[in-house]
Amino acid sequence: MARPPRITLYSTRRCPHCRQLKTWLQQRGLRFQEFDIESNRRAFKAFQRLGARSVPVLLVGEQRIDGFDRQRLQRLLG
């Protein structure tokens, strides 16, 4: 059986789309690692290296999703 892809979320506490995305992932029982780019300097540097401009940024394996794109998430994660 294939291992599920690693899921990484870059977010901030104040971001409503980040909260919606976290809830969406949790409701589906998907495990993910979250990094708050406002309180974690290393996470902020990683976020910058991605060339991202806003949160949320979700990495699913090698796939990147900027924002809370339900349709793309559904296709990618089921």
N, C-alpha and C. Protein backbone atom coordinates (compact mmCIF):
# COMPACT_ATOMS: atom_id res chain seq x y z
N MET A 1 0.84 -1.19 0.00
CA MET A 1 0.00 0.00 0.00
C MET A 1 0.88 1.24 0.00
N ALA A 2 0.54 2.19 -0.84
CA ALA A 2 1.33 3.43 -0.95
C ALA A 2 1.16 4.28 0.30
N ARG A 3 2.25 4.91 0.68
CA ARG A 3 2.21 5.81 1.82
C ARG A 3 1.53 7.11 1.43
N PRO A 4 0.71 7.68 2.32
CA PRO A 4 0.07 8.96 1.98
C PRO A 4 1.14 10.04 1.84
N PRO A 5 0.89 11.03 0.98
CA PRO A 5 1.88 12.10 0.81
C PRO A 5 2.01 12.94 2.07
N ARG A 6 3.18 13.50 2.26
CA ARG A 6 3.41 14.41 3.39
C ARG A 6 2.65 15.71 3.11
N ILE A 7 1.93 16.20 4.10
CA ILE A 7 1.14 17.42 3.95
C ILE A 7 1.70 18.48 4.91
N THR A 8 2.08 19.63 4.35
CA THR A 8 2.63 20.72 5.13
C THR A 8 1.81 21.97 4.86
N LEU A 9 1.42 22.65 5.93
CA LEU A 9 0.61 23.86 5.83
C LEU A 9 1.37 25.04 6.41
N TYR A 10 1.52 26.09 5.62
CA TYR A 10 2.06 27.36 6.10
C TYR A 10 0.88 28.29 6.31
N SER A 11 0.79 28.85 7.52
CA SER A 11 -0.40 29.62 7.89
C SER A 11 -0.05 30.72 8.88
N THR A 12 -1.10 31.46 9.27
CA THR A 12 -1.02 32.40 10.40
C THR A 12 -2.28 32.19 11.22
N ARG A 13 -2.22 32.61 12.46
CA ARG A 13 -3.39 32.44 13.34
C ARG A 13 -4.57 33.31 12.93
N ARG A 14 -4.29 34.46 12.35
CA ARG A 14 -5.37 35.41 12.02
C ARG A 14 -6.05 35.13 10.68
N CYS A 15 -5.53 34.21 9.92
CA CYS A 15 -6.02 33.97 8.55
C CYS A 15 -7.27 33.09 8.54
N PRO A 16 -8.42 33.63 8.10
CA PRO A 16 -9.64 32.82 8.08
C PRO A 16 -9.57 31.66 7.08
N HIS A 17 -8.88 31.85 5.96
CA HIS A 17 -8.76 30.77 4.97
C HIS A 17 -7.88 29.64 5.51
N CYS A 18 -6.90 30.00 6.32
CA CYS A 18 -6.05 28.98 6.96
C CYS A 18 -6.90 28.13 7.90
N ARG A 19 -7.74 28.77 8.69
CA ARG A 19 -8.61 28.03 9.62
C ARG A 19 -9.56 27.12 8.86
N GLN A 20 -10.13 27.61 7.77
CA GLN A 20 -11.03 26.78 6.96
C GLN A 20 -10.30 25.57 6.39
N LEU A 21 -9.09 25.79 5.90
CA LEU A 21 -8.31 24.70 5.33
C LEU A 21 -7.96 23.67 6.40
N LYS A 22 -7.54 24.12 7.58
CA LYS A 22 -7.24 23.20 8.68
C LYS A 22 -8.46 22.35 9.03
N THR A 23 -9.61 23.00 9.13
CA THR A 23 -10.85 22.28 9.44
C THR A 23 -11.15 21.25 8.35
N TRP A 24 -10.99 21.62 7.10
CA TRP A 24 -11.25 20.72 5.97
C TRP A 24 -10.35 19.49 6.07
N LEU A 25 -9.07 19.70 6.35
CA LEU A 25 -8.13 18.58 6.48
C LEU A 25 -8.49 17.70 7.67
N GLN A 26 -8.80 18.32 8.80
CA GLN A 26 -9.13 17.57 10.02
C GLN A 26 -10.41 16.76 9.85
N GLN A 27 -11.40 17.33 9.19
CA GLN A 27 -12.67 16.61 8.98
C GLN A 27 -12.46 15.36 8.14
N ARG A 28 -11.43 15.35 7.32
CA ARG A 28 -11.15 14.19 6.48
C ARG A 28 -10.13 13.25 7.11
N GLY A 29 -9.73 13.57 8.33
CA GLY A 29 -8.78 12.71 9.05
C GLY A 29 -7.39 12.73 8.46
N LEU A 30 -7.05 13.80 7.76
CA LEU A 30 -5.73 13.89 7.13
C LEU A 30 -4.73 14.49 8.10
N ARG A 31 -3.60 13.85 8.23
CA ARG A 31 -2.55 14.33 9.11
C ARG A 31 -1.71 15.35 8.35
N PHE A 32 -1.35 16.43 9.03
CA PHE A 32 -0.55 17.47 8.39
C PHE A 32 0.31 18.15 9.44
N GLN A 33 1.37 18.77 8.96
CA GLN A 33 2.24 19.55 9.82
C GLN A 33 1.99 21.01 9.50
N GLU A 34 1.76 21.80 10.54
CA GLU A 34 1.45 23.22 10.35
C GLU A 34 2.58 24.09 10.86
N PHE A 35 2.89 25.12 10.10
CA PHE A 35 3.91 26.09 10.49
C PHE A 35 3.30 27.48 10.44
N ASP A 36 3.32 28.18 11.57
CA ASP A 36 2.83 29.56 11.66
C ASP A 36 3.99 30.47 11.27
N ILE A 37 3.85 31.14 10.13
CA ILE A 37 4.96 31.95 9.62
C ILE A 37 5.16 33.26 10.40
N GLU A 38 4.21 33.61 11.26
CA GLU A 38 4.37 34.82 12.08
C GLU A 38 5.15 34.53 13.35
N SER A 39 5.01 33.33 13.89
CA SER A 39 5.65 33.03 15.17
C SER A 39 6.87 32.12 15.03
N ASN A 40 7.12 31.59 13.83
CA ASN A 40 8.22 30.66 13.63
C ASN A 40 9.14 31.21 12.53
N ARG A 41 10.29 31.69 12.94
CA ARG A 41 11.23 32.32 11.99
C ARG A 41 11.69 31.35 10.90
N ARG A 42 11.97 30.11 11.27
CA ARG A 42 12.40 29.12 10.28
C ARG A 42 11.29 28.85 9.27
N ALA A 43 10.06 28.79 9.76
CA ALA A 43 8.91 28.58 8.86
C ALA A 43 8.78 29.75 7.90
N PHE A 44 8.98 30.96 8.42
CA PHE A 44 8.89 32.15 7.56
C PHE A 44 9.95 32.11 6.47
N LYS A 45 11.16 31.69 6.82
CA LYS A 45 12.24 31.59 5.83
C LYS A 45 11.89 30.54 4.76
N ALA A 46 11.35 29.41 5.19
CA ALA A 46 10.94 28.35 4.24
C ALA A 46 9.84 28.87 3.33
N PHE A 47 8.89 29.60 3.91
CA PHE A 47 7.80 30.21 3.16
C PHE A 47 8.36 31.17 2.10
N GLN A 48 9.34 31.97 2.48
CA GLN A 48 9.97 32.90 1.54
C GLN A 48 10.68 32.15 0.42
N ARG A 49 11.37 31.06 0.76
CA ARG A 49 12.08 30.28 -0.26
C ARG A 49 11.11 29.71 -1.30
N LEU A 50 9.88 29.46 -0.88
CA LEU A 50 8.86 28.98 -1.82
C LEU A 50 8.41 30.07 -2.79
N GLY A 51 8.73 31.32 -2.46
CA GLY A 51 8.29 32.43 -3.29
C GLY A 51 6.83 32.76 -3.05
N ALA A 52 6.30 32.29 -1.94
CA ALA A 52 4.88 32.52 -1.62
C ALA A 52 4.66 33.97 -1.21
N ARG A 53 3.46 34.44 -1.47
CA ARG A 53 3.12 35.83 -1.14
C ARG A 53 2.03 35.93 -0.08
N SER A 54 1.24 34.88 0.08
CA SER A 54 0.17 34.92 1.08
C SER A 54 -0.11 33.51 1.57
N VAL A 55 -0.79 33.43 2.69
CA VAL A 55 -1.18 32.15 3.27
C VAL A 55 -2.66 31.91 3.01
N PRO A 56 -3.13 30.70 3.05
CA PRO A 56 -2.37 29.48 3.32
C PRO A 56 -1.63 28.98 2.08
N VAL A 57 -0.52 28.28 2.34
CA VAL A 57 0.20 27.54 1.31
C VAL A 57 0.24 26.10 1.80
N LEU A 58 -0.22 25.20 0.97
CA LEU A 58 -0.28 23.79 1.32
C LEU A 58 0.61 23.01 0.37
N LEU A 59 1.49 22.20 0.94
CA LEU A 59 2.32 21.31 0.14
C LEU A 59 1.83 19.89 0.38
N VAL A 60 1.47 19.23 -0.69
CA VAL A 60 1.03 17.83 -0.62
C VAL A 60 2.02 17.04 -1.46
N GLY A 61 2.97 16.41 -0.78
CA GLY A 61 4.07 15.80 -1.51
C GLY A 61 4.80 16.90 -2.26
N GLU A 62 4.87 16.77 -3.58
CA GLU A 62 5.53 17.77 -4.42
C GLU A 62 4.56 18.82 -4.97
N GLN A 63 3.27 18.63 -4.73
CA GLN A 63 2.25 19.56 -5.23
C GLN A 63 2.07 20.74 -4.27
N ARG A 64 1.91 21.92 -4.82
CA ARG A 64 1.69 23.12 -4.01
C ARG A 64 0.34 23.72 -4.36
N ILE A 65 -0.39 24.09 -3.31
CA ILE A 65 -1.68 24.77 -3.49
C ILE A 65 -1.63 26.06 -2.69
N ASP A 66 -1.82 27.18 -3.37
CA ASP A 66 -1.88 28.48 -2.71
C ASP A 66 -3.35 28.82 -2.49
N GLY A 67 -3.68 29.19 -1.26
CA GLY A 67 -5.07 29.50 -0.94
C GLY A 67 -5.85 28.24 -0.60
N PHE A 68 -7.12 28.41 -0.34
CA PHE A 68 -8.00 27.29 -0.01
C PHE A 68 -8.83 26.96 -1.24
N ASP A 69 -8.30 26.11 -2.08
CA ASP A 69 -8.92 25.71 -3.34
C ASP A 69 -9.57 24.34 -3.15
N ARG A 70 -10.84 24.35 -2.75
CA ARG A 70 -11.56 23.10 -2.42
C ARG A 70 -11.54 22.09 -3.57
N GLN A 71 -11.78 22.55 -4.78
CA GLN A 71 -11.86 21.63 -5.92
C GLN A 71 -10.52 20.95 -6.17
N ARG A 72 -9.45 21.71 -6.12
CA ARG A 72 -8.13 21.12 -6.33
C ARG A 72 -7.77 20.17 -5.19
N LEU A 73 -8.09 20.56 -3.97
CA LEU A 73 -7.85 19.70 -2.81
C LEU A 73 -8.62 18.39 -2.94
N GLN A 74 -9.85 18.48 -3.36
CA GLN A 74 -10.69 17.29 -3.52
C GLN A 74 -10.07 16.34 -4.55
N ARG A 75 -9.60 16.88 -5.65
CA ARG A 75 -8.96 16.04 -6.69
C ARG A 75 -7.67 15.41 -6.16
N LEU A 76 -6.91 16.18 -5.42
CA LEU A 76 -5.60 15.74 -4.95
C LEU A 76 -5.69 14.78 -3.78
N LEU A 77 -6.60 15.06 -2.85
CA LEU A 77 -6.66 14.30 -1.61
C LEU A 77 -7.90 13.45 -1.44
N GLY A 78 -8.89 13.68 -2.31
CA GLY A 78 -10.11 12.87 -2.25
C GLY A 78 -11.02 13.22 -1.21
